[in-house]
Amino acid sequence: DRVTTLAGVVSSGGRPVPGAWVVVFPEDPARWFYTSRSVRWVETDAEGRFHLRSLPPSTSYHAVAVDYLEDGEPDDPRFLDRLKRQSIGVSLDEGKSVAVDLGLITR
């Protein structure tokens, strides 16, 4: 029962961004499919914070914050491939909590 946690703040111009979307996905494109436990997204709260629990442990995730998501985008491998170029790398070891601050990507 060693759960991973990824949390942080999305900001733009030094200010937190409420209502942004954080997308987290693995390096391996074979794991980019509908219903994958390894692809997750969450909207930031009123203070620009986000919190994701229970991603499968891995040393190679990508994390990125965007201003909006359209229906189905996080399930689209072409969309994730485009985001990959603008993401930061994140390692989530079993039972560990990781904090990252993300800059907002305006699309």
PDB file of N, CA and C in Angstrom:
ATOM      1  N   ASP A   1       0.835  -1.196   0.000  1.00  0.00           N
ATOM      2  CA  ASP A   1       0.000   0.000   0.000  1.00  0.00           C
ATOM      3  C   ASP A   1       0.875   1.254   0.000  1.00  0.00           C
ATOM      4  N   ARG A   2       1.853   1.254  -0.853  1.00  0.00           N
ATOM      5  CA  ARG A   2       2.740   2.417  -0.957  1.00  0.00           C
ATOM      6  C   ARG A   2       2.331   3.237  -2.169  1.00  0.00           C
ATOM      7  N   VAL A   3       1.519   4.253  -1.937  1.00  0.00           N
ATOM      8  CA  VAL A   3       0.881   5.041  -2.984  1.00  0.00           C
ATOM      9  C   VAL A   3       1.786   6.188  -3.422  1.00  0.00           C
ATOM     10  N   THR A   4       1.832   6.436  -4.736  1.00  0.00           N
ATOM     11  CA  THR A   4       2.554   7.591  -5.251  1.00  0.00           C
ATOM     12  C   THR A   4       1.660   8.823  -5.189  1.00  0.00           C
ATOM     13  N   THR A   5       2.287   9.983  -5.033  1.00  0.00           N
ATOM     14  CA  THR A   5       1.572  11.253  -5.034  1.00  0.00           C
ATOM     15  C   THR A   5       2.367  12.261  -5.841  1.00  0.00           C
ATOM     16  N   LEU A   6       1.693  12.956  -6.739  1.00  0.00           N
ATOM     17  CA  LEU A   6       2.281  14.053  -7.495  1.00  0.00           C
ATOM     18  C   LEU A   6       1.425  15.274  -7.238  1.00  0.00           C
ATOM     19  N   ALA A   7       2.042  16.334  -6.759  1.00  0.00           N
ATOM     20  CA  ALA A   7       1.308  17.547  -6.421  1.00  0.00           C
ATOM     21  C   ALA A   7       2.138  18.753  -6.824  1.00  0.00           C
ATOM     22  N   GLY A   8       1.501  19.910  -6.867  1.00  0.00           N
ATOM     23  CA  GLY A   8       2.234  21.120  -7.198  1.00  0.00           C
ATOM     24  C   GLY A   8       1.317  22.276  -7.484  1.00  0.00           C
ATOM     25  N   VAL A   9       1.894  23.290  -8.140  1.00  0.00           N
ATOM     26  CA  VAL A   9       1.180  24.516  -8.477  1.00  0.00           C
ATOM     27  C   VAL A   9       1.460  24.852  -9.934  1.00  0.00           C
ATOM     28  N   VAL A  10       0.436  25.324 -10.619  1.00  0.00           N
ATOM     29  CA  VAL A  10       0.590  25.841 -11.980  1.00  0.00           C
ATOM     30  C   VAL A  10       0.585  27.357 -11.888  1.00  0.00           C
ATOM     31  N   SER A  11       1.556  27.972 -12.554  1.00  0.00           N
ATOM     32  CA  SER A  11       1.631  29.432 -12.506  1.00  0.00           C
ATOM     33  C   SER A  11       1.937  30.006 -13.887  1.00  0.00           C
ATOM     34  N   SER A  12       1.641  31.285 -14.012  1.00  0.00           N
ATOM     35  CA  SER A  12       1.944  32.044 -15.217  1.00  0.00           C
ATOM     36  C   SER A  12       2.272  33.458 -14.788  1.00  0.00           C
ATOM     37  N   GLY A  13       3.430  33.951 -15.197  1.00  0.00           N
ATOM     38  CA  GLY A  13       3.826  35.296 -14.793  1.00  0.00           C
ATOM     39  C   GLY A  13       3.984  35.449 -13.299  1.00  0.00           C
ATOM     40  N   GLY A  14       4.342  34.363 -12.613  1.00  0.00           N
ATOM     41  CA  GLY A  14       4.529  34.409 -11.174  1.00  0.00           C
ATOM     42  C   GLY A  14       3.247  34.315 -10.360  1.00  0.00           C
ATOM     43  N   ARG A  15       2.123  34.127 -11.022  1.00  0.00           N
ATOM     44  CA  ARG A  15       0.833  34.020 -10.324  1.00  0.00           C
ATOM     45  C   ARG A  15       0.228  32.631 -10.535  1.00  0.00           C
ATOM     46  N   PRO A  16      -0.390  32.070  -9.488  1.00  0.00           N
ATOM     47  CA  PRO A  16      -1.045  30.770  -9.641  1.00  0.00           C
ATOM     48  C   PRO A  16      -2.205  30.860 -10.631  1.00  0.00           C
ATOM     49  N   VAL A  17      -2.463  29.759 -11.326  1.00  0.00           N
ATOM     50  CA  VAL A  17      -3.508  29.719 -12.343  1.00  0.00           C
ATOM     51  C   VAL A  17      -4.600  28.731 -11.941  1.00  0.00           C
ATOM     52  N   PRO A  18      -5.758  29.230 -11.500  1.00  0.00           N
ATOM     53  CA  PRO A  18      -6.880  28.334 -11.237  1.00  0.00           C
ATOM     54  C   PRO A  18      -7.498  27.885 -12.552  1.00  0.00           C
ATOM     55  N   GLY A  19      -8.043  26.672 -12.561  1.00  0.00           N
ATOM     56  CA  GLY A  19      -8.748  26.185 -13.734  1.00  0.00           C
ATOM     57  C   GLY A  19      -7.869  25.706 -14.875  1.00  0.00           C
ATOM     58  N   ALA A  20      -6.571  25.586 -14.655  1.00  0.00           N
ATOM     59  CA  ALA A  20      -5.681  25.016 -15.674  1.00  0.00           C
ATOM     60  C   ALA A  20      -5.774  23.498 -15.586  1.00  0.00           C
ATOM     61  N   TRP A  21      -5.281  22.818 -16.608  1.00  0.00           N
ATOM     62  CA  TRP A  21      -5.302  21.362 -16.629  1.00  0.00           C
ATOM     63  C   TRP A  21      -3.889  20.821 -16.605  1.00  0.00           C
ATOM     64  N   VAL A  22      -3.635  19.900 -15.706  1.00  0.00           N
ATOM     65  CA  VAL A  22      -2.347  19.215 -15.619  1.00  0.00           C
ATOM     66  C   VAL A  22      -2.538  17.822 -16.205  1.00  0.00           C
ATOM     67  N   VAL A  23      -1.665  17.480 -17.161  1.00  0.00           N
ATOM     68  CA  VAL A  23      -1.709  16.174 -17.802  1.00  0.00           C
ATOM     69  C   VAL A  23      -0.405  15.458 -17.472  1.00  0.00           C
ATOM     70  N   VAL A  24      -0.520  14.228 -16.985  1.00  0.00           N
ATOM     71  CA  VAL A  24       0.640  13.408 -16.629  1.00  0.00           C
ATOM     72  C   VAL A  24       0.532  12.099 -17.410  1.00  0.00           C
ATOM     73  N   PHE A  25       1.629  11.730 -18.068  1.00  0.00           N
ATOM     74  CA  PHE A  25       1.610  10.524 -18.889  1.00  0.00           C
ATOM     75  C   PHE A  25       3.006   9.916 -18.940  1.00  0.00           C
ATOM     76  N   PRO A  26       3.095   8.604 -19.179  1.00  0.00           N
ATOM     77  CA  PRO A  26       4.381   7.926 -19.166  1.00  0.00           C
ATOM     78  C   PRO A  26       5.199   8.203 -20.430  1.00  0.00           C
ATOM     79  N   GLU A  27       6.482   7.976 -20.337  1.00  0.00           N
ATOM     80  CA  GLU A  27       7.372   8.105 -21.485  1.00  0.00           C
ATOM     81  C   GLU A  27       6.996   7.105 -22.581  1.00  0.00           C
ATOM     82  N   ASP A  28       6.610   5.921 -22.209  1.00  0.00           N
ATOM     83  CA  ASP A  28       6.342   4.834 -23.144  1.00  0.00           C
ATOM     84  C   ASP A  28       4.997   5.021 -23.857  1.00  0.00           C
ATOM     85  N   PRO A  29       4.998   5.306 -25.171  1.00  0.00           N
ATOM     86  CA  PRO A  29       3.740   5.496 -25.899  1.00  0.00           C
ATOM     87  C   PRO A  29       2.834   4.264 -25.897  1.00  0.00           C
ATOM     88  N   ALA A  30       3.364   3.090 -25.655  1.00  0.00           N
ATOM     89  CA  ALA A  30       2.527   1.889 -25.586  1.00  0.00           C
ATOM     90  C   ALA A  30       1.536   1.962 -24.429  1.00  0.00           C
ATOM     91  N   ARG A  31       1.789   2.851 -23.473  1.00  0.00           N
ATOM     92  CA  ARG A  31       0.902   3.004 -22.310  1.00  0.00           C
ATOM     93  C   ARG A  31      -0.045   4.199 -22.466  1.00  0.00           C
ATOM     94  N   TRP A  32      -0.110   4.792 -23.664  1.00  0.00           N
ATOM     95  CA  TRP A  32      -1.006   5.919 -23.937  1.00  0.00           C
ATOM     96  C   TRP A  32      -2.282   5.400 -24.594  1.00  0.00           C
ATOM     97  N   PHE A  33      -3.176   4.864 -23.834  1.00  0.00           N
ATOM     98  CA  PHE A  33      -4.416   4.347 -24.392  1.00  0.00           C
ATOM     99  C   PHE A  33      -5.571   4.675 -23.466  1.00  0.00           C
ATOM    100  N   TYR A  34      -6.767   4.637 -24.033  1.00  0.00           N
ATOM    101  CA  TYR A  34      -7.982   4.893 -23.280  1.00  0.00           C
ATOM    102  C   TYR A  34      -8.043   3.945 -22.086  1.00  0.00           C
ATOM    103  N   THR A  35      -8.357   4.452 -20.951  1.00  0.00           N
ATOM    104  CA  THR A  35      -8.463   3.748 -19.659  1.00  0.00           C
ATOM    105  C   THR A  35      -7.116   3.380 -19.044  1.00  0.00           C
ATOM    106  N   SER A  36      -6.009   3.880 -19.578  1.00  0.00           N
ATOM    107  CA  SER A  36      -4.700   3.601 -18.979  1.00  0.00           C
ATOM    108  C   SER A  36      -4.623   4.226 -17.589  1.00  0.00           C
ATOM    109  N   ARG A  37      -4.150   3.474 -16.632  1.00  0.00           N
ATOM    110  CA  ARG A  37      -3.933   4.011 -15.274  1.00  0.00           C
ATOM    111  C   ARG A  37      -2.768   4.988 -15.256  1.00  0.00           C
ATOM    112  N   SER A  38      -1.941   4.967 -16.292  1.00  0.00           N
ATOM    113  CA  SER A  38      -0.727   5.772 -16.330  1.00  0.00           C
ATOM    114  C   SER A  38      -0.917   7.138 -16.969  1.00  0.00           C
ATOM    115  N   VAL A  39      -2.067   7.397 -17.561  1.00  0.00           N
ATOM    116  CA  VAL A  39      -2.367   8.709 -18.145  1.00  0.00           C
ATOM    117  C   VAL A  39      -3.453   9.338 -17.296  1.00  0.00           C
ATOM    118  N   ARG A  40      -3.134  10.476 -16.698  1.00  0.00           N
ATOM    119  CA  ARG A  40      -4.089  11.130 -15.786  1.00  0.00           C
ATOM    120  C   ARG A  40      -4.100  12.629 -16.047  1.00  0.00           C
ATOM    121  N   TRP A  41      -5.197  13.269 -15.733  1.00  0.00           N
ATOM    122  CA  TRP A  41      -5.306  14.711 -15.841  1.00  0.00           C
ATOM    123  C   TRP A  41      -6.206  15.211 -14.729  1.00  0.00           C
ATOM    124  N   VAL A  42      -5.927  16.450 -14.326  1.00  0.00           N
ATOM    125  CA  VAL A  42      -6.674  17.042 -13.220  1.00  0.00           C
ATOM    126  C   VAL A  42      -6.681  18.559 -13.400  1.00  0.00           C
ATOM    127  N   GLU A  43      -7.768  19.175 -12.981  1.00  0.00           N
ATOM    128  CA  GLU A  43      -7.890  20.625 -13.047  1.00  0.00           C
ATOM    129  C   GLU A  43      -7.355  21.237 -11.757  1.00  0.00           C
ATOM    130  N   THR A  44      -6.678  22.372 -11.883  1.00  0.00           N
ATOM    131  CA  THR A  44      -6.152  23.036 -10.684  1.00  0.00           C
ATOM    132  C   THR A  44      -7.290  23.695  -9.898  1.00  0.00           C
ATOM    133  N   ASP A  45      -7.054  23.836  -8.593  1.00  0.00           N
ATOM    134  CA  ASP A  45      -8.060  24.445  -7.722  1.00  0.00           C
ATOM    135  C   ASP A  45      -7.965  25.972  -7.791  1.00  0.00           C
ATOM    136  N   ALA A  46      -8.680  26.657  -6.916  1.00  0.00           N
ATOM    137  CA  ALA A  46      -8.739  28.121  -6.917  1.00  0.00           C
ATOM    138  C   ALA A  46      -7.387  28.782  -6.645  1.00  0.00           C
ATOM    139  N   GLU A  47      -6.441  28.046  -6.062  1.00  0.00           N
ATOM    140  CA  GLU A  47      -5.098  28.568  -5.796  1.00  0.00           C
ATOM    141  C   GLU A  47      -4.071  28.038  -6.796  1.00  0.00           C
ATOM    142  N   GLY A  48      -4.534  27.391  -7.861  1.00  0.00           N
ATOM    143  CA  GLY A  48      -3.623  26.868  -8.874  1.00  0.00           C
ATOM    144  C   GLY A  48      -2.948  25.560  -8.489  1.00  0.00           C
ATOM    145  N   ARG A  49      -3.402  24.913  -7.424  1.00  0.00           N
ATOM    146  CA  ARG A  49      -2.783  23.666  -6.958  1.00  0.00           C
ATOM    147  C   ARG A  49      -3.432  22.455  -7.617  1.00  0.00           C
ATOM    148  N   PHE A  50      -2.646  21.392  -7.715  1.00  0.00           N
ATOM    149  CA  PHE A  50      -3.155  20.119  -8.209  1.00  0.00           C
ATOM    150  C   PHE A  50      -2.589  18.994  -7.366  1.00  0.00           C
ATOM    151  N   HIS A  51      -3.257  17.838  -7.432  1.00  0.00           N
ATOM    152  CA  HIS A  51      -2.882  16.688  -6.611  1.00  0.00           C
ATOM    153  C   HIS A  51      -3.347  15.423  -7.318  1.00  0.00           C
ATOM    154  N   LEU A  52      -2.413  14.538  -7.620  1.00  0.00           N
ATOM    155  CA  LEU A  52      -2.730  13.243  -8.226  1.00  0.00           C
ATOM    156  C   LEU A  52      -2.149  12.138  -7.360  1.00  0.00           C
ATOM    157  N   ARG A  53      -2.954  11.131  -7.062  1.00  0.00           N
ATOM    158  CA  ARG A  53      -2.499   9.982  -6.261  1.00  0.00           C
ATOM    159  C   ARG A  53      -2.641   8.712  -7.068  1.00  0.00           C
ATOM    160  N   SER A  54      -1.842   7.748  -6.710  1.00  0.00           N
ATOM    161  CA  SER A  54      -1.960   6.371  -7.195  1.00  0.00           C
ATOM    162  C   SER A  54      -1.587   6.166  -8.661  1.00  0.00           C
ATOM    163  N   LEU A  55      -0.709   7.009  -9.197  1.00  0.00           N
ATOM    164  CA  LEU A  55      -0.143   6.672 -10.500  1.00  0.00           C
ATOM    165  C   LEU A  55       0.780   5.482 -10.307  1.00  0.00           C
ATOM    166  N   PRO A  56       0.846   4.575 -11.275  1.00  0.00           N
ATOM    167  CA  PRO A  56       1.780   3.460 -11.130  1.00  0.00           C
ATOM    168  C   PRO A  56       3.224   3.969 -11.011  1.00  0.00           C
ATOM    169  N   PRO A  57       4.011   3.403 -10.130  1.00  0.00           N
ATOM    170  CA  PRO A  57       5.397   3.848  -9.982  1.00  0.00           C
ATOM    171  C   PRO A  57       6.153   3.726 -11.308  1.00  0.00           C
ATOM    172  N   SER A  58       6.937   4.751 -11.625  1.00  0.00           N
ATOM    173  CA  SER A  58       7.747   4.745 -12.841  1.00  0.00           C
ATOM    174  C   SER A  58       8.801   5.843 -12.738  1.00  0.00           C
ATOM    175  N   THR A  59       9.896   5.628 -13.393  1.00  0.00           N
ATOM    176  CA  THR A  59      10.954   6.641 -13.403  1.00  0.00           C
ATOM    177  C   THR A  59      10.815   7.596 -14.576  1.00  0.00           C
ATOM    178  N   SER A  60       9.801   7.430 -15.391  1.00  0.00           N
ATOM    179  CA  SER A  60       9.740   8.257 -16.600  1.00  0.00           C
ATOM    180  C   SER A  60       8.325   8.698 -16.968  1.00  0.00           C
ATOM    181  N   TYR A  61       7.850   9.715 -16.269  1.00  0.00           N
ATOM    182  CA  TYR A  61       6.590  10.365 -16.597  1.00  0.00           C
ATOM    183  C   TYR A  61       6.878  11.749 -17.175  1.00  0.00           C
ATOM    184  N   HIS A  62       5.891  12.277 -17.884  1.00  0.00           N
ATOM    185  CA  HIS A  62       5.904  13.656 -18.350  1.00  0.00           C
ATOM    186  C   HIS A  62       4.759  14.385 -17.656  1.00  0.00           C
ATOM    187  N   ALA A  63       4.987  15.644 -17.290  1.00  0.00           N
ATOM    188  CA  ALA A  63       3.940  16.465 -16.698  1.00  0.00           C
ATOM    189  C   ALA A  63       3.910  17.805 -17.426  1.00  0.00           C
ATOM    190  N   VAL A  64       2.710  18.284 -17.706  1.00  0.00           N
ATOM    191  CA  VAL A  64       2.548  19.540 -18.429  1.00  0.00           C
ATOM    192  C   VAL A  64       1.235  20.183 -17.995  1.00  0.00           C
ATOM    193  N   ALA A  65       1.194  21.519 -18.018  1.00  0.00           N
ATOM    194  CA  ALA A  65      -0.020  22.256 -17.670  1.00  0.00           C
ATOM    195  C   ALA A  65      -0.474  23.067 -18.877  1.00  0.00           C
ATOM    196  N   VAL A  66      -1.745  22.924 -19.224  1.00  0.00           N
ATOM    197  CA  VAL A  66      -2.317  23.645 -20.354  1.00  0.00           C
ATOM    198  C   VAL A  66      -3.542  24.429 -19.888  1.00  0.00           C
ATOM    199  N   ASP A  67      -3.896  25.449 -20.677  1.00  0.00           N
ATOM    200  CA  ASP A  67      -5.006  26.312 -20.285  1.00  0.00           C
ATOM    201  C   ASP A  67      -6.374  25.667 -20.481  1.00  0.00           C
ATOM    202  N   TYR A  68      -6.476  24.689 -21.383  1.00  0.00           N
ATOM    203  CA  TYR A  68      -7.746  23.985 -21.546  1.00  0.00           C
ATOM    204  C   TYR A  68      -7.493  22.616 -22.174  1.00  0.00           C
ATOM    205  N   LEU A  69      -8.468  21.745 -22.023  1.00  0.00           N
ATOM    206  CA  LEU A  69      -8.471  20.425 -22.664  1.00  0.00           C
ATOM    207  C   LEU A  69      -9.801  20.243 -23.383  1.00  0.00           C
ATOM    208  N   GLU A  70      -9.740  19.696 -24.572  1.00  0.00           N
ATOM    209  CA  GLU A  70     -10.962  19.342 -25.285  1.00  0.00           C
ATOM    210  C   GLU A  70     -11.280  17.876 -24.993  1.00  0.00           C
ATOM    211  N   ASP A  71     -12.541  17.517 -25.138  1.00  0.00           N
ATOM    212  CA  ASP A  71     -12.963  16.132 -24.890  1.00  0.00           C
ATOM    213  C   ASP A  71     -12.097  15.159 -25.675  1.00  0.00           C
ATOM    214  N   GLY A  72     -11.609  14.147 -24.996  1.00  0.00           N
ATOM    215  CA  GLY A  72     -10.845  13.089 -25.639  1.00  0.00           C
ATOM    216  C   GLY A  72      -9.370  13.363 -25.855  1.00  0.00           C
ATOM    217  N   GLU A  73      -8.918  14.593 -25.672  1.00  0.00           N
ATOM    218  CA  GLU A  73      -7.505  14.884 -25.929  1.00  0.00           C
ATOM    219  C   GLU A  73      -6.543  14.041 -25.094  1.00  0.00           C
ATOM    220  N   PRO A  74      -6.763  13.882 -23.795  1.00  0.00           N
ATOM    221  CA  PRO A  74      -5.797  13.083 -23.031  1.00  0.00           C
ATOM    222  C   PRO A  74      -5.729  11.614 -23.443  1.00  0.00           C
ATOM    223  N   ASP A  75      -6.717  11.141 -24.184  1.00  0.00           N
ATOM    224  CA  ASP A  75      -6.716   9.763 -24.673  1.00  0.00           C
ATOM    225  C   ASP A  75      -6.117   9.643 -26.081  1.00  0.00           C
ATOM    226  N   ASP A  76      -5.700  10.752 -26.667  1.00  0.00           N
ATOM    227  CA  ASP A  76      -5.202  10.771 -28.040  1.00  0.00           C
ATOM    228  C   ASP A  76      -3.672  10.740 -28.052  1.00  0.00           C
ATOM    229  N   PRO A  77      -3.057   9.666 -28.534  1.00  0.00           N
ATOM    230  CA  PRO A  77      -1.596   9.576 -28.550  1.00  0.00           C
ATOM    231  C   PRO A  77      -0.921  10.718 -29.322  1.00  0.00           C
ATOM    232  N   ARG A  78      -1.558  11.227 -30.379  1.00  0.00           N
ATOM    233  CA  ARG A  78      -0.959  12.358 -31.129  1.00  0.00           C
ATOM    234  C   ARG A  78      -0.908  13.608 -30.269  1.00  0.00           C
ATOM    235  N   PHE A  79      -1.942  13.831 -29.475  1.00  0.00           N
ATOM    236  CA  PHE A  79      -1.970  14.980 -28.564  1.00  0.00           C
ATOM    237  C   PHE A  79      -0.877  14.842 -27.505  1.00  0.00           C
ATOM    238  N   LEU A  80      -0.756  13.659 -26.902  1.00  0.00           N
ATOM    239  CA  LEU A  80       0.272  13.442 -25.882  1.00  0.00           C
ATOM    240  C   LEU A  80       1.674  13.605 -26.473  1.00  0.00           C
ATOM    241  N   ASP A  81       1.866  13.162 -27.703  1.00  0.00           N
ATOM    242  CA  ASP A  81       3.166  13.320 -28.348  1.00  0.00           C
ATOM    243  C   ASP A  81       3.516  14.795 -28.518  1.00  0.00           C
ATOM    244  N   ARG A  82       2.536  15.618 -28.872  1.00  0.00           N
ATOM    245  CA  ARG A  82       2.789  17.070 -28.984  1.00  0.00           C
ATOM    246  C   ARG A  82       3.108  17.678 -27.619  1.00  0.00           C
ATOM    247  N   LEU A  83       2.390  17.254 -26.577  1.00  0.00           N
ATOM    248  CA  LEU A  83       2.645  17.778 -25.236  1.00  0.00           C
ATOM    249  C   LEU A  83       4.020  17.369 -24.711  1.00  0.00           C
ATOM    250  N   LYS A  84       4.468  16.198 -25.111  1.00  0.00           N
ATOM    251  CA  LYS A  84       5.747  15.652 -24.626  1.00  0.00           C
ATOM    252  C   LYS A  84       6.892  16.637 -24.830  1.00  0.00           C
ATOM    253  N   ARG A  85       6.865  17.351 -25.936  1.00  0.00           N
ATOM    254  CA  ARG A  85       7.939  18.311 -26.264  1.00  0.00           C
ATOM    255  C   ARG A  85       7.980  19.502 -25.305  1.00  0.00           C
ATOM    256  N   GLN A  86       6.877  19.764 -24.625  1.00  0.00           N
ATOM    257  CA  GLN A  86       6.786  20.927 -23.740  1.00  0.00           C
ATOM    258  C   GLN A  86       6.690  20.536 -22.265  1.00  0.00           C
ATOM    259  N   SER A  87       6.840  19.263 -21.981  1.00  0.00           N
ATOM    260  CA  SER A  87       6.645  18.757 -20.622  1.00  0.00           C
ATOM    261  C   SER A  87       7.950  18.750 -19.826  1.00  0.00           C
ATOM    262  N   ILE A  88       7.803  18.463 -18.542  1.00  0.00           N
ATOM    263  CA  ILE A  88       8.976  18.215 -17.704  1.00  0.00           C
ATOM    264  C   ILE A  88       8.957  16.743 -17.301  1.00  0.00           C
ATOM    265  N   GLY A  89      10.126  16.176 -17.075  1.00  0.00           N
ATOM    266  CA  GLY A  89      10.227  14.790 -16.651  1.00  0.00           C
ATOM    267  C   GLY A  89      10.005  14.653 -15.159  1.00  0.00           C
ATOM    268  N   VAL A  90       9.332  13.576 -14.775  1.00  0.00           N
ATOM    269  CA  VAL A  90       9.019  13.316 -13.372  1.00  0.00           C
ATOM    270  C   VAL A  90       9.233  11.831 -13.089  1.00  0.00           C
ATOM    271  N   SER A  91       9.875  11.523 -11.973  1.00  0.00           N
ATOM    272  CA  SER A  91      10.027  10.145 -11.504  1.00  0.00           C
ATOM    273  C   SER A  91       9.120   9.944 -10.298  1.00  0.00           C
ATOM    274  N   LEU A  92       8.358   8.868 -10.314  1.00  0.00           N
ATOM    275  CA  LEU A  92       7.464   8.542  -9.202  1.00  0.00           C
ATOM    276  C   LEU A  92       7.823   7.163  -8.672  1.00  0.00           C
ATOM    277  N   ASP A  93       8.650   7.127  -7.671  1.00  0.00           N
ATOM    278  CA  ASP A  93       9.011   5.866  -7.048  1.00  0.00           C
ATOM    279  C   ASP A  93       7.885   5.406  -6.129  1.00  0.00           C
ATOM    280  N   GLU A  94       7.780   4.120  -5.933  1.00  0.00           N
ATOM    281  CA  GLU A  94       6.732   3.536  -5.106  1.00  0.00           C
ATOM    282  C   GLU A  94       6.717   4.168  -3.716  1.00  0.00           C
ATOM    283  N   GLY A  95       5.535   4.634  -3.310  1.00  0.00           N
ATOM    284  CA  GLY A  95       5.354   5.199  -1.984  1.00  0.00           C
ATOM    285  C   GLY A  95       5.894   6.608  -1.801  1.00  0.00           C
ATOM    286  N   LYS A  96       6.343   7.242  -2.863  1.00  0.00           N
ATOM    287  CA  LYS A  96       6.949   8.576  -2.748  1.00  0.00           C
ATOM    288  C   LYS A  96       5.970   9.670  -3.151  1.00  0.00           C
ATOM    289  N   SER A  97       6.180  10.842  -2.562  1.00  0.00           N
ATOM    290  CA  SER A  97       5.454  12.050  -2.935  1.00  0.00           C
ATOM    291  C   SER A  97       6.431  12.981  -3.636  1.00  0.00           C
ATOM    292  N   VAL A  98       6.002  13.523  -4.771  1.00  0.00           N
ATOM    293  CA  VAL A  98       6.832  14.424  -5.551  1.00  0.00           C
ATOM    294  C   VAL A  98       6.066  15.720  -5.754  1.00  0.00           C
ATOM    295  N   ALA A  99       6.759  16.838  -5.572  1.00  0.00           N
ATOM    296  CA  ALA A  99       6.166  18.156  -5.806  1.00  0.00           C
ATOM    297  C   ALA A  99       6.822  18.775  -7.037  1.00  0.00           C
ATOM    298  N   VAL A 100       6.005  19.301  -7.944  1.00  0.00           N
ATOM    299  CA  VAL A 100       6.506  19.994  -9.123  1.00  0.00           C
ATOM    300  C   VAL A 100       5.699  21.278  -9.319  1.00  0.00           C
ATOM    301  N   ASP A 101       6.383  22.279  -9.764  1.00  0.00           N
ATOM    302  CA  ASP A 101       5.721  23.517 -10.163  1.00  0.00           C
ATOM    303  C   ASP A 101       5.787  23.583 -11.674  1.00  0.00           C
ATOM    304  N   LEU A 102       4.646  23.854 -12.286  1.00  0.00           N
ATOM    305  CA  LEU A 102       4.549  23.862 -13.740  1.00  0.00           C
ATOM    306  C   LEU A 102       4.171  25.233 -14.242  1.00  0.00           C
ATOM    307  N   GLY A 103       4.800  25.643 -15.321  1.00  0.00           N
ATOM    308  CA  GLY A 103       4.396  26.852 -16.006  1.00  0.00           C
ATOM    309  C   GLY A 103       3.251  26.522 -16.959  1.00  0.00           C
ATOM    310  N   LEU A 104       2.353  27.461 -17.129  1.00  0.00           N
ATOM    311  CA  LEU A 104       1.187  27.251 -17.983  1.00  0.00           C
ATOM    312  C   LEU A 104       1.567  27.372 -19.452  1.00  0.00           C
ATOM    313  N   ILE A 105       1.090  26.429 -20.254  1.00  0.00           N
ATOM    314  CA  ILE A 105       1.227  26.496 -21.697  1.00  0.00           C
ATOM    315  C   ILE A 105      -0.121  26.963 -22.247  1.00  0.00           C
ATOM    316  N   THR A 106      -0.114  28.102 -22.910  1.00  0.00           N
ATOM    317  CA  THR A 106      -1.324  28.635 -23.507  1.00  0.00           C
ATOM    318  C   THR A 106      -1.409  28.138 -24.938  1.00  0.00           C
ATOM    319  N   ARG A 107      -2.526  27.513 -25.262  1.00  0.00           N
ATOM    320  CA  ARG A 107      -2.666  26.930 -26.607  1.00  0.00           C
ATOM    321  C   ARG A 107      -3.490  27.821 -27.501  1.00  0.00           C
TER     322      ARG A 107
END
